[in-house]
Amino acid sequence: MRAWSVVAAVLAEGLRYDGKSPCGCDREPKYRPRRRSELRARLIAATRDGLPPAETLSRADPLTPTER
């Protein structure tokens, strides 16, 4: 049940779990946290850096900004 809290937090931020879609567009899966520790690290980074949580939740490394 605790693992589902991570999924719920990611979905609450408007992020989705997209991967290789059956439509054939060959989109690669994007990073999403899997563990509560990963979620916690990204939420701390969002607060510290003044960023929206959705931005840090989609980072593989919470300390490295995403390229725009």
C-alpha atoms as a PDB file:
ATOM      1  CA  MET A   1       0.000   0.000   0.000  1.00  0.00           C
ATOM      2  CA  ARG A   2       2.823   2.435   0.751  1.00  0.00           C
ATOM      3  CA  ALA A   3       4.180   2.138  -2.781  1.00  0.00           C
ATOM      4  CA  TRP A   4       0.849   3.325  -4.131  1.00  0.00           C
ATOM      5  CA  SER A   5       1.299   6.602  -2.241  1.00  0.00           C
ATOM      6  CA  VAL A   6       4.204   7.398  -4.595  1.00  0.00           C
ATOM      7  CA  VAL A   7       2.033   6.705  -7.639  1.00  0.00           C
ATOM      8  CA  ALA A   8      -0.754   8.842  -6.165  1.00  0.00           C
ATOM      9  CA  ALA A   9       1.651  11.749  -5.539  1.00  0.00           C
ATOM     10  CA  VAL A  10       3.009  11.592  -9.103  1.00  0.00           C
ATOM     11  CA  LEU A  11      -0.486  11.491 -10.596  1.00  0.00           C
ATOM     12  CA  ALA A  12      -1.642  14.328  -8.314  1.00  0.00           C
ATOM     13  CA  GLU A  13       1.049  16.542  -9.859  1.00  0.00           C
ATOM     14  CA  GLY A  14      -0.404  15.887 -13.303  1.00  0.00           C
ATOM     15  CA  LEU A  15       2.356  13.538 -14.452  1.00  0.00           C
ATOM     16  CA  ARG A  16       1.616  10.292 -16.218  1.00  0.00           C
ATOM     17  CA  TYR A  17       3.378   6.988 -16.572  1.00  0.00           C
ATOM     18  CA  ASP A  18       3.845   6.994 -20.337  1.00  0.00           C
ATOM     19  CA  GLY A  19       5.980   4.424 -22.010  1.00  0.00           C
ATOM     20  CA  LYS A  20       6.202   2.716 -25.348  1.00  0.00           C
ATOM     21  CA  SER A  21       2.710   3.232 -26.582  1.00  0.00           C
ATOM     22  CA  PRO A  22       0.783   0.770 -28.740  1.00  0.00           C
ATOM     23  CA  CYS A  23       0.141   3.554 -31.271  1.00  0.00           C
ATOM     24  CA  GLY A  24       3.653   3.051 -32.652  1.00  0.00           C
ATOM     25  CA  CYS A  25       5.037   6.481 -31.825  1.00  0.00           C
ATOM     26  CA  ASP A  26       7.976   4.812 -29.966  1.00  0.00           C
ATOM     27  CA  ARG A  27       8.129   7.284 -27.109  1.00  0.00           C
ATOM     28  CA  GLU A  28      10.632   6.292 -24.462  1.00  0.00           C
ATOM     29  CA  PRO A  29       9.412   5.977 -20.879  1.00  0.00           C
ATOM     30  CA  LYS A  30      10.142   9.020 -18.736  1.00  0.00           C
ATOM     31  CA  TYR A  31      11.581   8.892 -15.238  1.00  0.00           C
ATOM     32  CA  ARG A  32       9.157   8.675 -12.329  1.00  0.00           C
ATOM     33  CA  PRO A  33      10.079   7.963  -8.698  1.00  0.00           C
ATOM     34  CA  ARG A  34       9.355   4.425  -7.530  1.00  0.00           C
ATOM     35  CA  ARG A  35      10.210   4.591  -3.836  1.00  0.00           C
ATOM     36  CA  ARG A  36       9.088   6.924  -1.081  1.00  0.00           C
ATOM     37  CA  SER A  37      12.711   7.958  -0.521  1.00  0.00           C
ATOM     38  CA  GLU A  38      12.959   9.045  -4.174  1.00  0.00           C
ATOM     39  CA  LEU A  39       9.699  10.975  -3.859  1.00  0.00           C
ATOM     40  CA  ARG A  40      10.866  12.646  -0.650  1.00  0.00           C
ATOM     41  CA  ALA A  41      14.221  13.699  -2.177  1.00  0.00           C
ATOM     42  CA  ARG A  42      12.500  15.287  -5.162  1.00  0.00           C
ATOM     43  CA  LEU A  43       9.923  17.127  -3.053  1.00  0.00           C
ATOM     44  CA  ILE A  44      12.713  18.501  -0.835  1.00  0.00           C
ATOM     45  CA  ALA A  45      14.601  19.657  -3.941  1.00  0.00           C
ATOM     46  CA  ALA A  46      11.436  21.360  -5.263  1.00  0.00           C
ATOM     47  CA  THR A  47      10.936  23.240  -2.006  1.00  0.00           C
ATOM     48  CA  ARG A  48      14.598  24.187  -1.741  1.00  0.00           C
ATOM     49  CA  ASP A  49      14.862  25.411  -5.337  1.00  0.00           C
ATOM     50  CA  GLY A  50      11.410  27.011  -5.483  1.00  0.00           C
ATOM     51  CA  LEU A  51      10.320  24.788  -8.368  1.00  0.00           C
ATOM     52  CA  PRO A  52       7.015  23.086  -9.058  1.00  0.00           C
ATOM     53  CA  PRO A  53       7.037  19.524  -7.696  1.00  0.00           C
ATOM     54  CA  ALA A  54       6.102  18.166 -11.136  1.00  0.00           C
ATOM     55  CA  GLU A  55       9.429  19.397 -12.492  1.00  0.00           C
ATOM     56  CA  THR A  56      11.568  17.677  -9.870  1.00  0.00           C
ATOM     57  CA  LEU A  57       9.450  14.504  -9.895  1.00  0.00           C
ATOM     58  CA  SER A  58      10.349  13.991 -13.540  1.00  0.00           C
ATOM     59  CA  ARG A  59      14.113  14.208 -12.911  1.00  0.00           C
ATOM     60  CA  ALA A  60      16.259  11.113 -12.657  1.00  0.00           C
ATOM     61  CA  ASP A  61      18.588  13.101 -10.383  1.00  0.00           C
ATOM     62  CA  PRO A  62      16.862  15.627  -8.096  1.00  0.00           C
ATOM     63  CA  LEU A  63      20.000  17.772  -7.885  1.00  0.00           C
ATOM     64  CA  THR A  64      20.436  18.221 -11.636  1.00  0.00           C
ATOM     65  CA  PRO A  65      18.061  20.675 -13.350  1.00  0.00           C
ATOM     66  CA  THR A  66      16.279  19.492 -16.457  1.00  0.00           C
ATOM     67  CA  GLU A  67      17.301  21.007 -19.756  1.00  0.00           C
ATOM     68  CA  ARG A  68      14.781  23.414 -21.184  1.00  0.00           C
END
